[in-house]
C-alpha atoms as a PDB file:
ATOM      1  CA  MET A   1      -0.123  -0.392   0.238  1.00  0.00           C
ATOM      2  CA  LYS A   2       0.697   3.813  -0.848  1.00  0.00           C
ATOM      3  CA  THR A   3       0.476   4.677   2.898  1.00  0.00           C
ATOM      4  CA  ALA A   4       3.101   1.077   3.559  1.00  0.00           C
ATOM      5  CA  GLY A   5       5.549   2.653   1.563  1.00  0.00           C
ATOM      6  CA  LEU A   6       5.376   6.098   3.039  1.00  0.00           C
ATOM      7  CA  LEU A   7       6.533   4.629   6.346  1.00  0.00           C
ATOM      8  CA  ILE A   8       9.388   2.431   5.754  1.00  0.00           C
ATOM      9  CA  ALA A   9      10.557   5.378   3.487  1.00  0.00           C
ATOM     10  CA  ALA A  10      10.460   7.219   6.028  1.00  0.00           C
ATOM     11  CA  ALA A  11      11.906   5.071   8.493  1.00  0.00           C
ATOM     12  CA  ILE A  12      15.083   3.867   6.654  1.00  0.00           C
ATOM     13  CA  SER A  13      15.309   7.502   5.611  1.00  0.00           C
ATOM     14  CA  GLY A  14      15.468   8.614   9.399  1.00  0.00           C
ATOM     15  CA  HIS A  15      12.731  10.977   8.782  1.00  0.00           C
ATOM     16  CA  ALA A  16       9.245  11.303   8.643  1.00  0.00           C
ATOM     17  CA  GLN A  17       6.674  11.740   5.618  1.00  0.00           C
ATOM     18  CA  PRO A  18       4.527  14.393   5.726  1.00  0.00           C
ATOM     19  CA  PHE A  19       0.271  13.395   5.972  1.00  0.00           C
ATOM     20  CA  ASP A  20      -0.113  12.891   1.946  1.00  0.00           C
ATOM     21  CA  HIS A  21      -4.075  14.120   2.309  1.00  0.00           C
ATOM     22  CA  SER A  22      -4.021  13.877  -1.917  1.00  0.00           C
ATOM     23  CA  ALA A  23      -6.618  11.057  -1.731  1.00  0.00           C
ATOM     24  CA  TRP A  24      -8.953  12.904   0.059  1.00  0.00           C
ATOM     25  CA  ASP A  25      -8.624  15.721  -2.115  1.00  0.00           C
ATOM     26  CA  ARG A  26      -8.962  13.296  -4.805  1.00  0.00           C
ATOM     27  CA  VAL A  27     -12.370  12.841  -3.877  1.00  0.00           C
ATOM     28  CA  LEU A  28     -13.619  16.044  -2.758  1.00  0.00           C
ATOM     29  CA  ARG A  29     -12.221  17.475  -7.007  1.00  0.00           C
ATOM     30  CA  THR A  30     -13.639  14.724  -7.827  1.00  0.00           C
ATOM     31  CA  CYS A  31     -17.535  14.265  -5.748  1.00  0.00           C
ATOM     32  CA  VAL A  32     -17.669  17.643  -4.149  1.00  0.00           C
ATOM     33  CA  ASN A  33     -19.963  20.227  -7.095  1.00  0.00           C
ATOM     34  CA  ALA A  34     -20.004  24.596  -7.460  1.00  0.00           C
ATOM     35  CA  ALA A  35     -23.098  23.796  -4.974  1.00  0.00           C
ATOM     36  CA  GLY A  36     -21.206  21.993  -2.354  1.00  0.00           C
ATOM     37  CA  GLU A  37     -22.989  18.551  -2.533  1.00  0.00           C
ATOM     38  CA  VAL A  38     -21.628  15.647  -2.746  1.00  0.00           C
ATOM     39  CA  ASP A  39     -21.646  12.716  -5.099  1.00  0.00           C
ATOM     40  CA  TYR A  40     -22.838   9.349  -2.711  1.00  0.00           C
ATOM     41  CA  ALA A  41     -23.592   7.421  -4.367  1.00  0.00           C
ATOM     42  CA  ARG A  42     -20.097   7.915  -6.996  1.00  0.00           C
ATOM     43  CA  LEU A  43     -19.112   7.150  -3.899  1.00  0.00           C
ATOM     44  CA  LYS A  44     -19.834   3.408  -3.493  1.00  0.00           C
ATOM     45  CA  SER A  45     -19.222   2.493  -6.615  1.00  0.00           C
ATOM     46  CA  THR A  46     -15.861   3.556  -6.762  1.00  0.00           C
ATOM     47  CA  PRO A  47     -14.224   3.685  -3.162  1.00  0.00           C
ATOM     48  CA  ALA A  48     -10.900   3.702  -4.049  1.00  0.00           C
ATOM     49  CA  ASP A  49      -9.791   7.097  -2.873  1.00  0.00           C
ATOM     50  CA  LEU A  50     -11.931   6.892  -0.209  1.00  0.00           C
ATOM     51  CA  ASN A  51     -10.635   3.111   1.358  1.00  0.00           C
ATOM     52  CA  GLU A  52      -6.774   4.079   0.714  1.00  0.00           C
ATOM     53  CA  TYR A  53      -7.153   8.048   2.965  1.00  0.00           C
ATOM     54  CA  VAL A  54      -9.332   6.080   5.522  1.00  0.00           C
ATOM     55  CA  ARG A  55      -6.684   3.426   5.818  1.00  0.00           C
ATOM     56  CA  ALA A  56      -4.289   6.513   6.430  1.00  0.00           C
ATOM     57  CA  LEU A  57      -6.115   8.255   8.937  1.00  0.00           C
ATOM     58  CA  ARG A  58      -6.167   4.816  11.190  1.00  0.00           C
ATOM     59  CA  GLU A  59      -2.559   4.250  10.841  1.00  0.00           C
ATOM     60  CA  SER A  60      -0.950   8.210  11.097  1.00  0.00           C
ATOM     61  CA  SER A  61      -1.932  10.549  13.211  1.00  0.00           C
ATOM     62  CA  PRO A  62      -0.651  13.491  15.369  1.00  0.00           C
ATOM     63  CA  ARG A  63      -1.219  11.676  18.397  1.00  0.00           C
ATOM     64  CA  ASN A  64       0.769   8.217  17.437  1.00  0.00           C
ATOM     65  CA  ARG A  65       3.045   9.761  14.990  1.00  0.00           C
ATOM     66  CA  PRO A  66       4.019  13.641  15.487  1.00  0.00           C
ATOM     67  CA  ALA A  67       6.754  13.439  13.188  1.00  0.00           C
ATOM     68  CA  MET A  68       4.110  13.434  10.382  1.00  0.00           C
ATOM     69  CA  PHE A  69       2.472  16.915  11.677  1.00  0.00           C
ATOM     70  CA  PRO A  70       5.615  19.613  12.591  1.00  0.00           C
ATOM     71  CA  THR A  71       3.542  21.957  13.233  1.00  0.00           C
ATOM     72  CA  ARG A  72      -0.189  23.461  14.648  1.00  0.00           C
ATOM     73  CA  ASN A  73      -1.626  24.218  11.275  1.00  0.00           C
ATOM     74  CA  ALA A  74      -0.617  20.496   9.658  1.00  0.00           C
ATOM     75  CA  GLU A  75      -1.583  19.024  12.301  1.00  0.00           C
ATOM     76  CA  LEU A  76      -5.597  20.871  12.657  1.00  0.00           C
ATOM     77  CA  ALA A  77      -5.543  20.489   8.769  1.00  0.00           C
ATOM     78  CA  TYR A  78      -4.961  16.614   9.767  1.00  0.00           C
ATOM     79  CA  TRP A  79      -7.972  16.947  11.488  1.00  0.00           C
ATOM     80  CA  ILE A  80     -10.691  18.989   9.234  1.00  0.00           C
ATOM     81  CA  ASN A  81      -9.664  16.776   6.274  1.00  0.00           C
ATOM     82  CA  ALA A  82     -10.587  13.222   8.732  1.00  0.00           C
ATOM     83  CA  TYR A  83     -13.845  14.601  10.265  1.00  0.00           C
ATOM     84  CA  ASN A  84     -14.701  15.204   6.705  1.00  0.00           C
ATOM     85  CA  ALA A  85     -13.564  11.569   5.819  1.00  0.00           C
ATOM     86  CA  PHE A  86     -15.423  10.235   7.911  1.00  0.00           C
ATOM     87  CA  ILE A  87     -18.710  12.155   7.652  1.00  0.00           C
ATOM     88  CA  THR A  88     -18.099  10.936   3.620  1.00  0.00           C
ATOM     89  CA  GLU A  89     -17.207   7.209   4.830  1.00  0.00           C
ATOM     90  CA  GLY A  90     -20.293   7.125   7.200  1.00  0.00           C
ATOM     91  CA  VAL A  91     -23.216   8.231   4.564  1.00  0.00           C
ATOM     92  CA  VAL A  92     -21.010   6.159   1.650  1.00  0.00           C
ATOM     93  CA  ARG A  93     -22.260   3.191   3.914  1.00  0.00           C
ATOM     94  CA  ALA A  94     -25.439   4.378   4.781  1.00  0.00           C
ATOM     95  CA  TYR A  95     -26.244   5.504   1.402  1.00  0.00           C
ATOM     96  CA  PRO A  96     -28.911   6.593  -0.542  1.00  0.00           C
ATOM     97  CA  THR A  97     -30.367   7.851   2.736  1.00  0.00           C
ATOM     98  CA  SER A  98     -32.307  11.061   3.509  1.00  0.00           C
ATOM     99  CA  GLY A  99     -30.312  12.654   6.915  1.00  0.00           C
ATOM    100  CA  VAL A 100     -27.556  11.456   8.935  1.00  0.00           C
ATOM    101  CA  LEU A 101     -30.424  12.048  11.587  1.00  0.00           C
ATOM    102  CA  LYS A 102     -31.327   8.795   9.976  1.00  0.00           C
ATOM    103  CA  ILE A 103     -28.993   6.486  10.273  1.00  0.00           C
ATOM    104  CA  GLY A 104     -29.133   4.574  13.341  1.00  0.00           C
ATOM    105  CA  LEU A 105     -32.202   3.672  14.941  1.00  0.00           C
ATOM    106  CA  ILE A 106     -31.765   6.402  17.020  1.00  0.00           C
ATOM    107  CA  PRO A 107     -31.014  10.509  16.410  1.00  0.00           C
ATOM    108  CA  PHE A 108     -27.942  11.913  16.275  1.00  0.00           C
ATOM    109  CA  ARG A 109     -26.091   8.619  17.011  1.00  0.00           C
ATOM    110  CA  PHE A 110     -24.238   8.820  13.946  1.00  0.00           C
ATOM    111  CA  PHE A 111     -22.298  11.356  15.780  1.00  0.00           C
ATOM    112  CA  THR A 112     -21.412   9.770  19.294  1.00  0.00           C
ATOM    113  CA  THR A 113     -20.976   5.518  18.275  1.00  0.00           C
ATOM    114  CA  LYS A 114     -16.739   5.115  18.460  1.00  0.00           C
ATOM    115  CA  ASP A 115     -16.822   3.792  14.096  1.00  0.00           C
ATOM    116  CA  TYR A 116     -13.634   5.968  13.054  1.00  0.00           C
ATOM    117  CA  THR A 117     -10.655   5.261  14.338  1.00  0.00           C
ATOM    118  CA  ALA A 118      -7.239   7.854  14.149  1.00  0.00           C
ATOM    119  CA  GLY A 119      -4.114   6.572  14.698  1.00  0.00           C
ATOM    120  CA  GLY A 120      -4.618   3.659  16.638  1.00  0.00           C
ATOM    121  CA  ARG A 121      -7.726   5.223  18.682  1.00  0.00           C
ATOM    122  CA  ARG A 122     -11.241   4.571  17.959  1.00  0.00           C
ATOM    123  CA  MET A 123     -13.263   7.601  18.352  1.00  0.00           C
ATOM    124  CA  SER A 124     -17.088   8.908  17.827  1.00  0.00           C
ATOM    125  CA  LEU A 125     -16.908  12.037  15.338  1.00  0.00           C
ATOM    126  CA  LYS A 126     -18.685  14.144  18.512  1.00  0.00           C
ATOM    127  CA  PHE A 127     -15.119  12.880  20.381  1.00  0.00           C
ATOM    128  CA  LEU A 128     -13.245  14.390  16.961  1.00  0.00           C
ATOM    129  CA  GLU A 129     -15.229  17.298  17.127  1.00  0.00           C
ATOM    130  CA  ASP A 130     -16.005  18.602  20.673  1.00  0.00           C
ATOM    131  CA  GLU A 131     -12.883  16.469  22.406  1.00  0.00           C
ATOM    132  CA  ILE A 132      -9.672  17.395  20.041  1.00  0.00           C
ATOM    133  CA  ILE A 133     -10.234  19.804  17.409  1.00  0.00           C
ATOM    134  CA  ARG A 134     -12.673  22.552  19.449  1.00  0.00           C
ATOM    135  CA  ALA A 135     -11.050  22.274  22.774  1.00  0.00           C
ATOM    136  CA  LYS A 136      -6.793  20.803  21.211  1.00  0.00           C
ATOM    137  CA  TYR A 137      -7.166  24.236  19.067  1.00  0.00           C
ATOM    138  CA  LYS A 138      -9.530  26.973  19.680  1.00  0.00           C
ATOM    139  CA  GLU A 139      -9.915  27.976  15.943  1.00  0.00           C
ATOM    140  CA  PRO A 140     -13.063  29.222  15.655  1.00  0.00           C
ATOM    141  CA  ARG A 141     -13.262  28.984  11.727  1.00  0.00           C
ATOM    142  CA  ILE A 142     -13.380  25.729  12.013  1.00  0.00           C
ATOM    143  CA  HIS A 143     -16.754  25.642  12.299  1.00  0.00           C
ATOM    144  CA  PHE A 144     -17.151  26.479   8.107  1.00  0.00           C
ATOM    145  CA  ALA A 145     -14.641  24.085   7.990  1.00  0.00           C
ATOM    146  CA  ILE A 146     -16.158  21.186   9.020  1.00  0.00           C
ATOM    147  CA  VAL A 147     -20.088  19.308   7.291  1.00  0.00           C
ATOM    148  CA  CYS A 148     -21.766  16.913   8.908  1.00  0.00           C
ATOM    149  CA  ALA A 149     -23.458  15.766   4.966  1.00  0.00           C
ATOM    150  CA  SER A 150     -26.516  18.046   5.964  1.00  0.00           C
ATOM    151  CA  LEU A 151     -27.569  21.106   4.124  1.00  0.00           C
ATOM    152  CA  SER A 152     -27.744  23.807   6.937  1.00  0.00           C
ATOM    153  CA  CYS A 153     -23.601  22.693   6.688  1.00  0.00           C
ATOM    154  CA  PRO A 154     -21.397  24.924   4.810  1.00  0.00           C
ATOM    155  CA  LYS A 155     -20.152  24.016   1.975  1.00  0.00           C
ATOM    156  CA  LEU A 156     -17.518  21.294   1.771  1.00  0.00           C
ATOM    157  CA  ALA A 157     -14.420  22.930   0.230  1.00  0.00           C
ATOM    158  CA  PRO A 158     -13.682  21.007  -2.930  1.00  0.00           C
ATOM    159  CA  ARG A 159      -9.827  20.242  -1.877  1.00  0.00           C
ATOM    160  CA  ALA A 160      -7.505  18.894   0.916  1.00  0.00           C
ATOM    161  CA  TYR A 161      -6.697  21.805   3.585  1.00  0.00           C
ATOM    162  CA  THR A 162      -2.807  21.031   3.758  1.00  0.00           C
ATOM    163  CA  GLU A 163      -0.338  22.152   6.360  1.00  0.00           C
ATOM    164  CA  GLU A 164       0.172  24.956   3.870  1.00  0.00           C
ATOM    165  CA  ASN A 165      -3.398  26.498   2.593  1.00  0.00           C
ATOM    166  CA  LEU A 166      -4.062  25.848   6.531  1.00  0.00           C
ATOM    167  CA  GLU A 167      -4.843  29.793   7.034  1.00  0.00           C
ATOM    168  CA  GLN A 168      -6.560  30.813   3.760  1.00  0.00           C
ATOM    169  CA  MET A 169      -8.717  28.146   3.252  1.00  0.00           C
ATOM    170  CA  LEU A 170     -10.124  28.223   7.052  1.00  0.00           C
ATOM    171  CA  GLU A 171     -10.333  32.448   6.249  1.00  0.00           C
ATOM    172  CA  ALA A 172     -11.979  31.714   2.086  1.00  0.00           C
ATOM    173  CA  GLN A 173     -14.560  29.954   3.963  1.00  0.00           C
ATOM    174  CA  THR A 174     -15.512  31.692   7.016  1.00  0.00           C
ATOM    175  CA  ARG A 175     -16.650  34.563   4.686  1.00  0.00           C
ATOM    176  CA  GLN A 176     -18.061  32.390   1.734  1.00  0.00           C
ATOM    177  CA  PHE A 177     -20.348  30.932   4.460  1.00  0.00           C
ATOM    178  CA  PHE A 178     -21.884  34.758   6.035  1.00  0.00           C
ATOM    179  CA  ALA A 179     -21.912  35.561   2.181  1.00  0.00           C
ATOM    180  CA  GLU A 180     -24.779  33.258   1.914  1.00  0.00           C
ATOM    181  CA  ARG A 181     -27.797  34.744   2.550  1.00  0.00           C
ATOM    182  CA  ARG A 182     -29.253  31.162   4.774  1.00  0.00           C
ATOM    183  CA  ASN A 183     -26.664  32.512   7.076  1.00  0.00           C
ATOM    184  CA  LEU A 184     -27.071  36.366   7.491  1.00  0.00           C
ATOM    185  CA  GLU A 185     -29.772  38.255   6.046  1.00  0.00           C
ATOM    186  CA  ILE A 186     -30.824  41.539   7.311  1.00  0.00           C
ATOM    187  CA  ALA A 187     -34.506  42.500   7.535  1.00  0.00           C
ATOM    188  CA  GLY A 188     -35.303  45.920   9.148  1.00  0.00           C
ATOM    189  CA  ASP A 189     -33.103  45.089  12.419  1.00  0.00           C
ATOM    190  CA  ARG A 190     -33.718  41.461  12.839  1.00  0.00           C
ATOM    191  CA  VAL A 191     -30.435  39.876  11.922  1.00  0.00           C
ATOM    192  CA  ILE A 192     -31.294  36.655  10.847  1.00  0.00           C
ATOM    193  CA  VAL A 193     -27.714  33.617  11.333  1.00  0.00           C
ATOM    194  CA  SER A 194     -27.185  30.381  10.902  1.00  0.00           C
ATOM    195  CA  LYS A 195     -28.433  28.145  14.409  1.00  0.00           C
ATOM    196  CA  LEU A 196     -24.698  27.380  14.278  1.00  0.00           C
ATOM    197  CA  LEU A 197     -23.158  30.868  15.817  1.00  0.00           C
ATOM    198  CA  ASP A 198     -25.954  29.463  18.953  1.00  0.00           C
ATOM    199  CA  TRP A 199     -25.309  25.881  18.869  1.00  0.00           C
ATOM    200  CA  TYR A 200     -21.573  26.958  19.601  1.00  0.00           C
ATOM    201  CA  LYS A 201     -21.504  30.281  20.830  1.00  0.00           C
ATOM    202  CA  GLY A 202     -18.803  29.706  23.251  1.00  0.00           C
ATOM    203  CA  ASP A 203     -16.650  29.218  20.381  1.00  0.00           C
ATOM    204  CA  PHE A 204     -16.832  32.822  18.856  1.00  0.00           C
ATOM    205  CA  PRO A 205     -16.613  36.937  20.186  1.00  0.00           C
ATOM    206  CA  PRO A 206     -19.081  38.655  20.313  1.00  0.00           C
ATOM    207  CA  ILE A 207     -21.794  37.855  17.176  1.00  0.00           C
ATOM    208  CA  LEU A 208     -22.010  41.532  15.928  1.00  0.00           C
ATOM    209  CA  GLU A 209     -17.997  41.731  16.376  1.00  0.00           C
ATOM    210  CA  LEU A 210     -17.453  38.926  13.858  1.00  0.00           C
ATOM    211  CA  LEU A 211     -20.408  39.517  12.175  1.00  0.00           C
ATOM    212  CA  ASN A 212     -18.798  43.497  11.378  1.00  0.00           C
ATOM    213  CA  ARG A 213     -15.249  41.085  10.844  1.00  0.00           C
ATOM    214  CA  TYR A 214     -17.042  38.381   7.827  1.00  0.00           C
ATOM    215  CA  ALA A 215     -19.599  39.728   6.620  1.00  0.00           C
ATOM    216  CA  PRO A 216     -19.721  41.471   3.217  1.00  0.00           C
ATOM    217  CA  GLU A 217     -19.183  45.404   2.753  1.00  0.00           C
ATOM    218  CA  PRO A 218     -22.973  45.895   2.006  1.00  0.00           C
ATOM    219  CA  ARG A 219     -24.454  43.892   4.800  1.00  0.00           C
ATOM    220  CA  ARG A 220     -21.982  45.197   7.857  1.00  0.00           C
ATOM    221  CA  ARG A 221     -23.021  48.582   5.853  1.00  0.00           C
ATOM    222  CA  ALA A 222     -26.011  47.270   6.529  1.00  0.00           C
ATOM    223  CA  LEU A 223     -25.645  46.252  10.061  1.00  0.00           C
ATOM    224  CA  GLN A 224     -24.035  49.088  11.457  1.00  0.00           C
ATOM    225  CA  ALA A 225     -26.731  51.029  10.556  1.00  0.00           C
ATOM    226  CA  ILE A 226     -29.420  49.046  13.191  1.00  0.00           C
ATOM    227  CA  ARG A 227     -29.433  51.159  16.618  1.00  0.00           C
ATOM    228  CA  ALA A 228     -30.187  47.567  18.513  1.00  0.00           C
ATOM    229  CA  PRO A 229     -30.039  44.351  16.252  1.00  0.00           C
ATOM    230  CA  ARG A 230     -32.598  41.682  16.838  1.00  0.00           C
ATOM    231  CA  VAL A 231     -30.007  38.220  16.325  1.00  0.00           C
ATOM    232  CA  GLU A 232     -32.403  35.436  15.187  1.00  0.00           C
ATOM    233  CA  TYR A 233     -30.889  31.909  14.466  1.00  0.00           C
ATOM    234  CA  ARG A 234     -32.278  30.264  11.226  1.00  0.00           C
ATOM    235  CA  GLY A 235     -33.800  27.185  11.768  1.00  0.00           C
ATOM    236  CA  TYR A 236     -31.269  23.382  10.000  1.00  0.00           C
ATOM    237  CA  ASP A 237     -31.974  21.363   7.732  1.00  0.00           C
ATOM    238  CA  TRP A 238     -30.275  18.037   8.511  1.00  0.00           C
ATOM    239  CA  SER A 239     -31.219  16.683   5.489  1.00  0.00           C
ATOM    240  CA  ILE A 240     -28.486  14.956   3.193  1.00  0.00           C
ATOM    241  CA  ASN A 241     -26.289  17.119   0.173  1.00  0.00           C
ATOM    242  CA  ASP A 242     -25.879  15.212  -2.042  1.00  0.00           C
ATOM    243  CA  PRO A 243     -26.331  16.739  -6.095  1.00  0.00           C
ATOM    244  CA  GLY A 244     -29.699  18.545  -6.450  1.00  0.00           C
ATOM    245  CA  SER A 245     -30.485  18.601  -2.600  1.00  0.00           C
ATOM    246  CA  ARG A 246     -30.441  22.296  -2.902  1.00  0.00           C
ATOM    247  CA  ALA A 247     -32.699  22.847  -5.452  1.00  0.00           C
ATOM    248  CA  ARG A 248     -35.602  20.356  -3.630  1.00  0.00           C
ATOM    249  CA  ALA A 249     -34.493  22.268   0.129  1.00  0.00           C
ATOM    250  CA  LYS A 250     -38.037  24.223   1.829  1.00  0.00           C
ATOM    251  CA  SER A 251     -36.576  26.804   2.689  1.00  0.00           C
ATOM    252  CA  ALA A 252     -36.398  29.134  -0.009  1.00  0.00           C
ATOM    253  CA  VAL A 253     -32.265  30.543   1.104  1.00  0.00           C
ATOM    254  CA  GLU A 254     -31.380  27.076   0.913  1.00  0.00           C
ATOM    255  CA  ARG A 255     -32.460  26.729  -3.001  1.00  0.00           C
ATOM    256  CA  GLU A 256     -30.536  30.316  -4.102  1.00  0.00           C
ATOM    257  CA  LEU A 257     -27.443  27.546  -3.792  1.00  0.00           C
ATOM    258  CA  ALA A 258     -28.697  25.117  -6.263  1.00  0.00           C
ATOM    259  CA  LEU A 259     -27.038  24.573  -9.590  1.00  0.00           C
ATOM    260  CA  PRO A 260     -28.532  25.849 -12.870  1.00  0.00           C
END
């Protein structure tokens, strides 16, 4: 296997090879469209790249092979990719499905069972998000990078995070998130935002400060013109984010993102 070969070469040379995200990058480039929809049916029929990447995640992580991850950015890029790849693998196993909350007998079981392995350690998606990514790195922009395979999630980026592109991609994903009306709408004195900002409010700076930093200029000016903004949270659509899902969405603000 490619991963095993890299590890052997590293052992011989005495230097750790950086973790290879190329298989996941191929998955994203071939199976994620411009609307952030994921072709799970295609991945189910041709799983080689996804399987290769999940095997690599299983063998190595910043915890059991730290030399492969020399910087904080290298570590965080790994964990973001791992979360997104594990979510994708879990959905592919269950596909076709109408949503992640429909996978398993109990809602949210999909996120709480220890179905995934990173660097030899079994874990749940919830543990990976809460106890590793959020607890260790304390980076609020990860909420616009990790994607739970649902319509109201941020769009899945069409390329892998790496040590080199992490900062640029986190910034771009955050700005894209707030550029979409479904995540930030101003109606009179009402400021309607994604439910993510409510669920994870402890991870973010004060909401108006966050919006003033990342909202597009026209919305920023509209926000600053409101004397007493009333923040409201939009309902969350857990429908699966497969091809055509945005065109079928009940919400008009989701349908705005549908491909022509």
